[in-house]
Amino acid sequence: MADHDAQQWYPTAAYLYVLHLDDLALAWEYLRRNPEYHRDWQDCPRQPEAAQRWGLRHLEDPRLDARDALPAWFPDHPQLIQLYPDAEPMPDSMAFDLWRIPGSKCLVHDGRRLLLMVRWPGCCLRVALAPGLEAGMAYVHAVRACARPCARYCALAAELDKLAVAVDAAPVAVACCRPAPAALLELHTLQALDATLAGASLREVAAGLFGPAAVAGGWHADGGLRSKVRRLVRRGRELMHDGYRRLAQLDGRGEGRSAQPAKRP
């Protein structure tokens, strides 16, 4: 029997932040748990080819969770807001002002340009700043050409609408409803994955997620609880090894959390 007090995976409260993560942040949560990724981070943290193996421009520190990490995905996510200097600005053009953007900000250079992640209650935005863009310059938004330009534009427009509303009045706090089943699934999957990576048995995973009383009354060879935990562990391993690419839309097909083929417990 594992010593639960010594296991970081056992307290469910430590995973509550997962309920508010978007697909890109979830992709990082699964990738950073991959043991092979940890080895690449330790052995060759500066090698671009090692990063591209994982769909990144550079290796990010796996010790950082999605609240602090800013992984630079390769290729860019379709909803990444890209800002470029406007060569021929109109009279009503807006000037770029980093400090006018509300929320907490994190900047990182991916080798080509600055990536900006902005968070405020209830929202997270990612912006790429082209080289040459400076404060006070007029700017344009870039939309990459593709086979479905209207769909990509609509997705990008939704992100820009968030930014436009927040510039006028960023919320101080957001009242959240009961977590959606999809968000709870991610929380349970990550907790189950951490437990198995730490060496916990399926029964111990079930006790950590659903309580010892549920295990005592429903842990049978052909019981639903046992099957549910087994599916959670299998799903977590699939997302850790390769499924995270679908969440980050690295294949360009525009499929995120809502299109996962893995069965839900």
Protein backbone atom coordinates (compact mmCIF):
# COMPACT_ATOMS: atom_id res chain seq x y z
CA MET A 1 0.00 0.00 0.00
CA ALA A 2 1.42 3.39 -1.00
CA ASP A 3 1.91 6.09 1.60
CA HIS A 4 -0.77 8.55 0.45
CA ASP A 5 0.53 11.34 2.64
CA ALA A 6 3.82 11.25 0.73
CA GLN A 7 2.18 11.18 -2.73
CA GLN A 8 1.62 14.46 -4.56
CA TRP A 9 -1.15 12.91 -6.65
CA TYR A 10 -3.42 12.00 -3.74
CA PRO A 11 -4.95 15.41 -2.78
CA THR A 12 -7.54 16.26 -5.45
CA ALA A 13 -7.38 19.92 -4.42
CA ALA A 14 -3.93 20.15 -6.02
CA TYR A 15 -5.57 19.54 -9.41
CA LEU A 16 -8.40 22.07 -9.23
CA TYR A 17 -6.56 24.49 -11.53
CA VAL A 18 -6.98 21.92 -14.32
CA LEU A 19 -10.71 22.73 -14.41
CA HIS A 20 -9.93 26.12 -15.97
CA LEU A 21 -7.36 25.11 -18.60
CA ASP A 22 -7.91 25.34 -22.35
CA ASP A 23 -6.78 22.71 -24.85
CA LEU A 24 -3.26 24.13 -25.32
CA ALA A 25 -2.65 24.23 -21.58
CA LEU A 26 -3.98 20.68 -21.22
CA ALA A 27 -1.68 19.50 -24.02
CA TRP A 28 1.28 20.80 -22.04
CA GLU A 29 0.04 19.13 -18.83
CA TYR A 30 0.05 15.75 -20.54
CA LEU A 31 3.33 16.25 -22.40
CA ARG A 32 5.28 17.40 -19.34
CA ARG A 33 4.49 14.09 -17.63
CA ASN A 34 6.12 12.01 -20.37
CA PRO A 35 9.28 10.31 -18.99
CA GLU A 36 10.98 10.46 -22.40
CA TYR A 37 10.34 14.21 -22.56
CA HIS A 38 11.99 14.56 -19.16
CA ARG A 39 15.06 12.73 -20.49
CA ASP A 40 15.28 15.03 -23.52
CA TRP A 41 14.96 18.06 -21.24
CA GLN A 42 17.85 16.83 -19.09
CA ASP A 43 20.11 15.59 -21.91
CA CYS A 44 19.62 18.10 -24.74
CA PRO A 45 17.61 21.13 -23.61
CA ARG A 46 19.17 23.41 -26.27
CA GLN A 47 18.79 21.21 -29.35
CA PRO A 48 16.00 22.32 -31.74
CA GLU A 49 15.63 18.84 -33.24
CA ALA A 50 14.84 17.43 -29.81
CA ALA A 51 12.13 20.06 -29.33
CA GLN A 52 10.57 19.49 -32.75
CA ARG A 53 10.21 15.81 -31.94
CA TRP A 54 7.62 16.89 -29.39
CA GLY A 55 5.98 19.58 -31.51
CA LEU A 56 7.79 22.47 -29.81
CA ARG A 57 10.15 25.19 -31.00
CA HIS A 58 12.23 24.76 -27.86
CA LEU A 59 11.99 22.48 -24.85
CA GLU A 60 10.06 23.92 -21.92
CA ASP A 61 10.84 23.02 -18.32
CA PRO A 62 8.54 20.08 -17.40
CA ARG A 63 8.61 21.15 -13.75
CA LEU A 64 6.39 24.12 -14.67
CA ASP A 65 2.67 23.45 -14.82
CA ALA A 66 0.35 25.21 -17.26
CA ARG A 67 -0.07 28.21 -14.95
CA ASP A 68 3.60 29.15 -15.32
CA ALA A 69 4.85 27.48 -18.51
CA LEU A 70 4.70 29.05 -21.96
CA PRO A 71 5.49 26.27 -24.44
CA ALA A 72 6.12 27.47 -28.00
CA TRP A 73 4.24 24.94 -30.12
CA PHE A 74 5.36 24.10 -33.66
CA PRO A 75 3.50 24.73 -35.87
CA ASP A 76 1.51 27.59 -34.36
CA HIS A 77 -1.96 26.96 -33.03
CA PRO A 78 -4.65 28.23 -35.46
CA GLN A 79 -6.06 30.59 -32.82
CA LEU A 80 -2.72 32.23 -32.04
CA ILE A 81 -3.16 36.00 -32.55
CA GLN A 82 -0.33 37.27 -34.75
CA LEU A 83 0.48 40.99 -34.80
CA TYR A 84 2.57 42.68 -37.51
CA PRO A 85 3.51 46.32 -38.16
CA ASP A 86 1.08 48.03 -40.54
CA ALA A 87 3.06 49.27 -43.53
CA GLU A 88 0.27 51.66 -44.63
CA PRO A 89 -1.77 52.58 -41.56
CA MET A 90 -5.18 54.21 -41.91
CA PRO A 91 -6.06 57.39 -40.00
CA ASP A 92 -8.15 55.40 -37.51
CA SER A 93 -5.53 52.69 -36.93
CA MET A 94 -4.89 51.66 -33.36
CA ALA A 95 -1.39 51.88 -31.90
CA PHE A 96 0.16 48.88 -30.21
CA ASP A 97 0.41 49.30 -26.44
CA LEU A 98 1.47 46.25 -24.45
CA TRP A 99 0.49 47.76 -21.11
CA ARG A 100 -3.02 48.56 -22.30
CA ILE A 101 -3.68 44.83 -22.50
CA PRO A 102 -5.17 43.77 -19.14
CA GLY A 103 -4.22 40.81 -17.01
CA SER A 104 -0.99 39.13 -15.99
CA LYS A 105 1.55 38.82 -18.81
CA CYS A 106 4.32 36.36 -19.65
CA LEU A 107 6.79 36.97 -22.49
CA VAL A 108 9.16 34.45 -24.08
CA HIS A 109 11.28 34.55 -27.24
CA ASP A 110 10.89 31.43 -29.37
CA GLY A 111 13.93 32.18 -31.55
CA ARG A 112 11.99 34.21 -34.13
CA ARG A 113 9.60 36.48 -32.29
CA LEU A 114 8.13 37.26 -28.91
CA LEU A 115 5.26 35.15 -27.63
CA LEU A 116 2.94 36.80 -25.14
CA MET A 117 0.52 34.96 -22.89
CA VAL A 118 -2.07 37.07 -21.11
CA ARG A 119 -4.38 35.85 -18.36
CA TRP A 120 -7.24 37.46 -16.54
CA PRO A 121 -10.15 35.83 -14.68
CA GLY A 122 -11.98 33.49 -17.00
CA CYS A 123 -9.70 33.95 -20.02
CA CYS A 124 -6.28 33.17 -21.47
CA LEU A 125 -4.91 34.64 -24.71
CA ARG A 126 -1.74 33.89 -26.67
CA VAL A 127 -0.23 36.51 -28.97
CA ALA A 128 2.78 36.42 -31.31
CA LEU A 129 4.56 39.75 -31.80
CA ALA A 130 6.41 40.05 -35.10
CA PRO A 131 9.99 41.42 -35.11
CA GLY A 132 9.92 45.16 -35.66
CA LEU A 133 6.62 45.76 -33.86
CA GLU A 134 7.16 48.44 -31.25
CA ALA A 135 4.99 50.43 -28.86
CA GLY A 136 3.05 53.17 -30.64
CA MET A 137 3.09 51.46 -34.04
CA ALA A 138 -0.05 50.71 -36.02
CA TYR A 139 -0.49 46.98 -36.45
CA VAL A 140 -2.43 44.35 -38.37
CA HIS A 141 -3.69 40.86 -37.49
CA ALA A 142 -2.47 38.02 -39.69
CA VAL A 143 -4.64 35.05 -40.67
CA ARG A 144 -2.81 32.11 -42.24
CA ALA A 145 -4.25 30.94 -45.57
CA CYS A 146 -5.72 27.44 -45.52
CA ALA A 147 -8.38 25.23 -47.09
CA ARG A 148 -11.01 26.54 -44.63
CA PRO A 149 -10.19 30.24 -44.25
CA CYS A 150 -13.64 31.25 -42.99
CA ALA A 151 -13.56 28.78 -40.11
CA ARG A 152 -10.06 29.86 -39.14
CA TYR A 153 -11.01 33.52 -39.33
CA CYS A 154 -14.07 32.96 -37.13
CA ALA A 155 -11.94 31.20 -34.50
CA LEU A 156 -9.41 34.03 -34.55
CA ALA A 157 -12.15 36.67 -34.45
CA ALA A 158 -13.53 35.09 -31.28
CA GLU A 159 -10.12 35.46 -29.63
CA LEU A 160 -9.88 39.09 -30.77
CA ASP A 161 -13.34 39.80 -29.37
CA LYS A 162 -12.14 38.60 -25.96
CA LEU A 163 -9.23 41.00 -26.14
CA ALA A 164 -11.37 43.94 -27.29
CA VAL A 165 -13.87 43.48 -24.46
CA ALA A 166 -11.15 43.06 -21.85
CA VAL A 167 -9.32 46.23 -22.90
CA ASP A 168 -12.45 48.22 -22.10
CA ALA A 169 -13.23 46.49 -18.80
CA ALA A 170 -11.31 43.42 -17.67
CA PRO A 171 -13.22 41.50 -14.99
CA VAL A 172 -11.73 41.38 -11.51
CA ALA A 173 -13.25 37.97 -10.86
CA VAL A 174 -15.49 35.47 -12.55
CA ALA A 175 -18.16 33.34 -10.90
CA CYS A 176 -17.79 29.79 -12.23
CA CYS A 177 -20.64 27.33 -12.56
CA ARG A 178 -20.38 23.67 -11.70
CA PRO A 179 -17.46 22.17 -13.65
CA ALA A 180 -18.41 20.61 -16.97
CA PRO A 181 -18.06 16.82 -17.31
CA ALA A 182 -15.22 17.32 -19.82
CA ALA A 183 -13.25 19.41 -17.31
CA LEU A 184 -13.77 16.84 -14.54
CA LEU A 185 -12.62 14.13 -16.93
CA GLU A 186 -9.32 15.93 -17.49
CA LEU A 187 -8.81 16.40 -13.74
CA HIS A 188 -9.43 12.72 -13.02
CA THR A 189 -7.29 11.62 -15.97
CA LEU A 190 -4.28 13.67 -14.89
CA GLN A 191 -4.63 12.56 -11.27
CA ALA A 192 -4.89 8.91 -12.31
CA LEU A 193 -1.91 9.29 -14.64
CA ASP A 194 0.25 10.82 -11.90
CA ALA A 195 -0.76 8.05 -9.52
CA THR A 196 0.24 5.26 -11.91
CA LEU A 197 3.50 7.01 -12.80
CA ALA A 198 4.21 7.09 -9.05
CA GLY A 199 3.61 3.33 -8.82
CA ALA A 200 0.10 3.26 -7.36
CA SER A 201 -2.17 0.30 -8.05
CA LEU A 202 -5.55 0.73 -9.72
CA ARG A 203 -7.27 0.22 -6.37
CA GLU A 204 -5.14 2.96 -4.79
CA VAL A 205 -5.95 5.26 -7.71
CA ALA A 206 -9.65 4.64 -7.17
CA ALA A 207 -9.34 5.42 -3.44
CA GLY A 208 -7.57 8.68 -4.21
CA LEU A 209 -10.10 9.80 -6.82
CA PHE A 210 -13.38 8.56 -5.41
CA GLY A 211 -12.69 7.80 -1.75
CA PRO A 212 -12.04 4.61 0.27
CA ALA A 213 -15.76 4.10 0.92
CA ALA A 214 -16.54 3.89 -2.81
CA VAL A 215 -13.73 1.38 -3.25
CA ALA A 216 -14.83 -0.76 -0.32
CA GLY A 217 -18.34 -1.03 -1.70
CA GLY A 218 -17.72 -1.22 -5.43
CA TRP A 219 -14.33 -2.72 -6.22
CA HIS A 220 -15.12 -5.94 -8.06
CA ALA A 221 -13.41 -7.76 -10.91
CA ASP A 222 -16.22 -6.89 -13.30
CA GLY A 223 -17.40 -3.74 -11.49
CA GLY A 224 -17.96 -0.34 -13.07
CA LEU A 225 -15.55 1.47 -10.74
CA ARG A 226 -12.65 -0.77 -11.67
CA SER A 227 -13.36 -0.36 -15.39
CA LYS A 228 -13.67 3.40 -14.99
CA VAL A 229 -10.27 3.71 -13.33
CA ARG A 230 -8.69 1.44 -15.93
CA ARG A 231 -10.05 3.64 -18.74
CA LEU A 232 -8.82 6.80 -17.02
CA VAL A 233 -5.30 5.40 -16.77
CA ARG A 234 -5.33 4.21 -20.38
CA ARG A 235 -6.62 7.57 -21.58
CA GLY A 236 -3.96 9.45 -19.62
CA ARG A 237 -1.16 7.36 -21.10
CA GLU A 238 -2.49 7.84 -24.63
CA LEU A 239 -2.64 11.60 -24.18
CA MET A 240 0.81 11.70 -22.58
CA HIS A 241 2.48 9.77 -25.40
CA ASP A 242 0.86 11.22 -28.52
CA GLY A 243 -2.69 12.38 -27.88
CA TYR A 244 -1.54 15.78 -26.63
CA ARG A 245 -0.80 16.63 -30.28
CA ARG A 246 -4.52 16.56 -31.00
CA LEU A 247 -5.24 18.94 -28.14
CA ALA A 248 -2.59 21.37 -29.42
CA GLN A 249 -3.86 20.89 -33.01
CA LEU A 250 -0.36 20.13 -34.24
CA ASP A 251 -1.80 18.14 -37.12
CA GLY A 252 -3.66 21.19 -38.44
CA ARG A 253 -7.06 19.49 -38.49
CA GLY A 254 -8.59 21.80 -35.91
CA GLU A 255 -9.54 19.05 -33.47
CA GLY A 256 -9.24 19.82 -29.80
CA ARG A 257 -10.76 18.49 -26.61
CA SER A 258 -14.20 17.97 -28.16
CA ALA A 259 -12.85 15.60 -30.82
CA GLN A 260 -10.87 13.14 -28.73
CA PRO A 261 -11.38 9.57 -29.88
CA ALA A 262 -10.54 8.13 -26.46
CA LYS A 263 -13.55 6.68 -24.67
CA ARG A 264 -14.81 8.57 -21.66
CA PRO A 265 -15.24 6.70 -18.42
